Amino acid sequence: MADKPDTGEIAIFHKAKLKKTETQENTLLTTETIEQEKRSEIS
């Protein structure tokens, strides 16, 4: 039936073939940092 997902590819998936990757976190700027950057652009 169409309501069940096809899991055939998952059954033959080999986790050992995955490549290692490094995850980097990107932090959002604070309001204070944005204000400092605006002030430095004006000067």
PDB file of N, CA and C in Angstrom:
ATOM      1  N   MET A   1       0.827  -1.183   0.000  1.00  0.00           N
ATOM      2  CA  MET A   1       0.000   0.000   0.000  1.00  0.00           C
ATOM      3  C   MET A   1       0.875   1.252   0.000  1.00  0.00           C
ATOM      4  N   ALA A   2       0.320   2.339  -0.388  1.00  0.00           N
ATOM      5  CA  ALA A   2       1.049   3.599  -0.491  1.00  0.00           C
ATOM      6  C   ALA A   2       1.284   4.264   0.862  1.00  0.00           C
ATOM      7  N   ASP A   3       0.586   3.839   1.900  1.00  0.00           N
ATOM      8  CA  ASP A   3       0.757   4.481   3.201  1.00  0.00           C
ATOM      9  C   ASP A   3       1.977   3.981   3.967  1.00  0.00           C
ATOM     10  N   LYS A   4       2.646   2.945   3.508  1.00  0.00           N
ATOM     11  CA  LYS A   4       3.856   2.441   4.151  1.00  0.00           C
ATOM     12  C   LYS A   4       5.081   2.894   3.348  1.00  0.00           C
ATOM     13  N   PRO A   5       6.103   3.431   4.026  1.00  0.00           N
ATOM     14  CA  PRO A   5       7.306   3.870   3.303  1.00  0.00           C
ATOM     15  C   PRO A   5       8.112   2.685   2.783  1.00  0.00           C
ATOM     16  N   ASP A   6       8.833   2.915   1.699  1.00  0.00           N
ATOM     17  CA  ASP A   6       9.697   1.887   1.119  1.00  0.00           C
ATOM     18  C   ASP A   6      11.011   1.867   1.898  1.00  0.00           C
ATOM     19  N   THR A   7      11.253   0.811   2.632  1.00  0.00           N
ATOM     20  CA  THR A   7      12.466   0.698   3.445  1.00  0.00           C
ATOM     21  C   THR A   7      13.495  -0.247   2.822  1.00  0.00           C
ATOM     22  N   GLY A   8      13.330  -0.579   1.579  1.00  0.00           N
ATOM     23  CA  GLY A   8      14.244  -1.503   0.904  1.00  0.00           C
ATOM     24  C   GLY A   8      15.674  -0.997   0.859  1.00  0.00           C
ATOM     25  N   GLU A   9      15.862   0.301   0.593  1.00  0.00           N
ATOM     26  CA  GLU A   9      17.207   0.879   0.530  1.00  0.00           C
ATOM     27  C   GLU A   9      17.862   0.908   1.902  1.00  0.00           C
ATOM     28  N   ILE A  10      17.095   1.078   2.942  1.00  0.00           N
ATOM     29  CA  ILE A  10      17.640   1.112   4.299  1.00  0.00           C
ATOM     30  C   ILE A  10      18.225  -0.247   4.676  1.00  0.00           C
ATOM     31  N   ALA A  11      17.606  -1.301   4.228  1.00  0.00           N
ATOM     32  CA  ALA A  11      18.060  -2.646   4.560  1.00  0.00           C
ATOM     33  C   ALA A  11      19.452  -2.933   4.007  1.00  0.00           C
ATOM     34  N   ILE A  12      19.836  -2.308   2.880  1.00  0.00           N
ATOM     35  CA  ILE A  12      21.146  -2.571   2.276  1.00  0.00           C
ATOM     36  C   ILE A  12      22.150  -1.438   2.524  1.00  0.00           C
ATOM     37  N   PHE A  13      21.795  -0.482   3.397  1.00  0.00           N
ATOM     38  CA  PHE A  13      22.647   0.659   3.710  1.00  0.00           C
ATOM     39  C   PHE A  13      23.829   0.222   4.571  1.00  0.00           C
ATOM     40  N   HIS A  14      25.044   0.678   4.213  1.00  0.00           N
ATOM     41  CA  HIS A  14      26.242   0.323   4.963  1.00  0.00           C
ATOM     42  C   HIS A  14      26.799   1.570   5.651  1.00  0.00           C
ATOM     43  N   LYS A  15      26.637   1.630   6.953  1.00  0.00           N
ATOM     44  CA  LYS A  15      27.081   2.783   7.732  1.00  0.00           C
ATOM     45  C   LYS A  15      28.598   2.969   7.641  1.00  0.00           C
ATOM     46  N   ALA A  16      29.335   1.912   7.464  1.00  0.00           N
ATOM     47  CA  ALA A  16      30.797   1.976   7.410  1.00  0.00           C
ATOM     48  C   ALA A  16      31.295   2.732   6.182  1.00  0.00           C
ATOM     49  N   LYS A  17      30.475   2.885   5.148  1.00  0.00           N
ATOM     50  CA  LYS A  17      30.885   3.576   3.930  1.00  0.00           C
ATOM     51  C   LYS A  17      30.744   5.092   4.021  1.00  0.00           C
ATOM     52  N   LEU A  18      30.181   5.591   5.116  1.00  0.00           N
ATOM     53  CA  LEU A  18      30.016   7.031   5.276  1.00  0.00           C
ATOM     54  C   LEU A  18      31.360   7.703   5.520  1.00  0.00           C
ATOM     55  N   LYS A  19      31.521   8.923   5.013  1.00  0.00           N
ATOM     56  CA  LYS A  19      32.747   9.677   5.224  1.00  0.00           C
ATOM     57  C   LYS A  19      32.618  10.493   6.507  1.00  0.00           C
ATOM     58  N   LYS A  20      33.736  10.683   7.198  1.00  0.00           N
ATOM     59  CA  LYS A  20      33.761  11.506   8.404  1.00  0.00           C
ATOM     60  C   LYS A  20      33.632  12.977   8.004  1.00  0.00           C
ATOM     61  N   THR A  21      32.862  13.727   8.765  1.00  0.00           N
ATOM     62  CA  THR A  21      32.737  15.162   8.548  1.00  0.00           C
ATOM     63  C   THR A  21      32.854  15.887   9.881  1.00  0.00           C
ATOM     64  N   GLU A  22      33.256  17.140   9.817  1.00  0.00           N
ATOM     65  CA  GLU A  22      33.324  17.965  11.009  1.00  0.00           C
ATOM     66  C   GLU A  22      32.146  18.920  11.006  1.00  0.00           C
ATOM     67  N   THR A  23      31.501  19.023  12.140  1.00  0.00           N
ATOM     68  CA  THR A  23      30.368  19.918  12.276  1.00  0.00           C
ATOM     69  C   THR A  23      30.834  21.210  12.933  1.00  0.00           C
ATOM     70  N   GLN A  24      30.462  22.342  12.350  1.00  0.00           N
ATOM     71  CA  GLN A  24      30.811  23.633  12.917  1.00  0.00           C
ATOM     72  C   GLN A  24      29.528  24.356  13.296  1.00  0.00           C
ATOM     73  N   GLU A  25      29.537  24.936  14.494  1.00  0.00           N
ATOM     74  CA  GLU A  25      28.378  25.688  14.933  1.00  0.00           C
ATOM     75  C   GLU A  25      28.541  27.143  14.547  1.00  0.00           C
ATOM     76  N   ASN A  26      27.487  27.720  14.020  1.00  0.00           N
ATOM     77  CA  ASN A  26      27.462  29.138  13.706  1.00  0.00           C
ATOM     78  C   ASN A  26      26.533  29.807  14.699  1.00  0.00           C
ATOM     79  N   THR A  27      27.093  30.722  15.487  1.00  0.00           N
ATOM     80  CA  THR A  27      26.266  31.407  16.465  1.00  0.00           C
ATOM     81  C   THR A  27      25.655  32.658  15.851  1.00  0.00           C
ATOM     82  N   LEU A  28      24.488  32.997  16.320  1.00  0.00           N
ATOM     83  CA  LEU A  28      23.824  34.200  15.838  1.00  0.00           C
ATOM     84  C   LEU A  28      24.400  35.421  16.545  1.00  0.00           C
ATOM     85  N   LEU A  29      24.402  36.541  15.840  1.00  0.00           N
ATOM     86  CA  LEU A  29      24.892  37.770  16.428  1.00  0.00           C
ATOM     87  C   LEU A  29      23.908  38.287  17.467  1.00  0.00           C
ATOM     88  N   THR A  30      24.445  38.879  18.516  1.00  0.00           N
ATOM     89  CA  THR A  30      23.582  39.488  19.521  1.00  0.00           C
ATOM     90  C   THR A  30      23.226  40.893  19.064  1.00  0.00           C
ATOM     91  N   THR A  31      22.218  41.453  19.675  1.00  0.00           N
ATOM     92  CA  THR A  31      21.808  42.825  19.361  1.00  0.00           C
ATOM     93  C   THR A  31      22.961  43.781  19.639  1.00  0.00           C
ATOM     94  N   GLU A  32      23.691  43.519  20.713  1.00  0.00           N
ATOM     95  CA  GLU A  32      24.828  44.366  21.073  1.00  0.00           C
ATOM     96  C   GLU A  32      25.908  44.346  19.986  1.00  0.00           C
ATOM     97  N   THR A  33      26.210  43.181  19.468  1.00  0.00           N
ATOM     98  CA  THR A  33      27.215  43.051  18.417  1.00  0.00           C
ATOM     99  C   THR A  33      26.782  43.779  17.149  1.00  0.00           C
ATOM    100  N   ILE A  34      25.531  43.677  16.809  1.00  0.00           N
ATOM    101  CA  ILE A  34      25.004  44.350  15.615  1.00  0.00           C
ATOM    102  C   ILE A  34      25.127  45.861  15.772  1.00  0.00           C
ATOM    103  N   GLU A  35      24.777  46.370  16.956  1.00  0.00           N
ATOM    104  CA  GLU A  35      24.882  47.809  17.209  1.00  0.00           C
ATOM    105  C   GLU A  35      26.336  48.273  17.114  1.00  0.00           C
ATOM    106  N   GLN A  36      27.270  47.479  17.637  1.00  0.00           N
ATOM    107  CA  GLN A  36      28.681  47.844  17.556  1.00  0.00           C
ATOM    108  C   GLN A  36      29.144  47.904  16.108  1.00  0.00           C
ATOM    109  N   GLU A  37      28.701  46.956  15.295  1.00  0.00           N
ATOM    110  CA  GLU A  37      29.092  46.944  13.884  1.00  0.00           C
ATOM    111  C   GLU A  37      28.498  48.139  13.149  1.00  0.00           C
ATOM    112  N   LYS A  38      27.256  48.497  13.454  1.00  0.00           N
ATOM    113  CA  LYS A  38      26.632  49.664  12.831  1.00  0.00           C
ATOM    114  C   LYS A  38      27.411  50.922  13.176  1.00  0.00           C
ATOM    115  N   ARG A  39      27.814  51.045  14.458  1.00  0.00           N
ATOM    116  CA  ARG A  39      28.564  52.230  14.889  1.00  0.00           C
ATOM    117  C   ARG A  39      29.924  52.299  14.202  1.00  0.00           C
ATOM    118  N   SER A  40      30.564  51.171  13.990  1.00  0.00           N
ATOM    119  CA  SER A  40      31.886  51.165  13.360  1.00  0.00           C
ATOM    120  C   SER A  40      31.786  51.488  11.871  1.00  0.00           C
ATOM    121  N   GLU A  41      30.672  51.155  11.226  1.00  0.00           N
ATOM    122  CA  GLU A  41      30.485  51.477   9.810  1.00  0.00           C
ATOM    123  C   GLU A  41      30.283  52.972   9.611  1.00  0.00           C
ATOM    124  N   ILE A  42      29.637  53.614  10.559  1.00  0.00           N
ATOM    125  CA  ILE A  42      29.364  55.054  10.468  1.00  0.00           C
ATOM    126  C   ILE A  42      30.643  55.855  10.658  1.00  0.00           C
ATOM    127  N   SER A  43      31.513  55.408  11.540  1.00  0.00           N
ATOM    128  CA  SER A  43      32.747  56.148  11.849  1.00  0.00           C
ATOM    129  C   SER A  43      33.710  56.174  10.711  1.00  0.00           C
TER     130      SER A  43
END
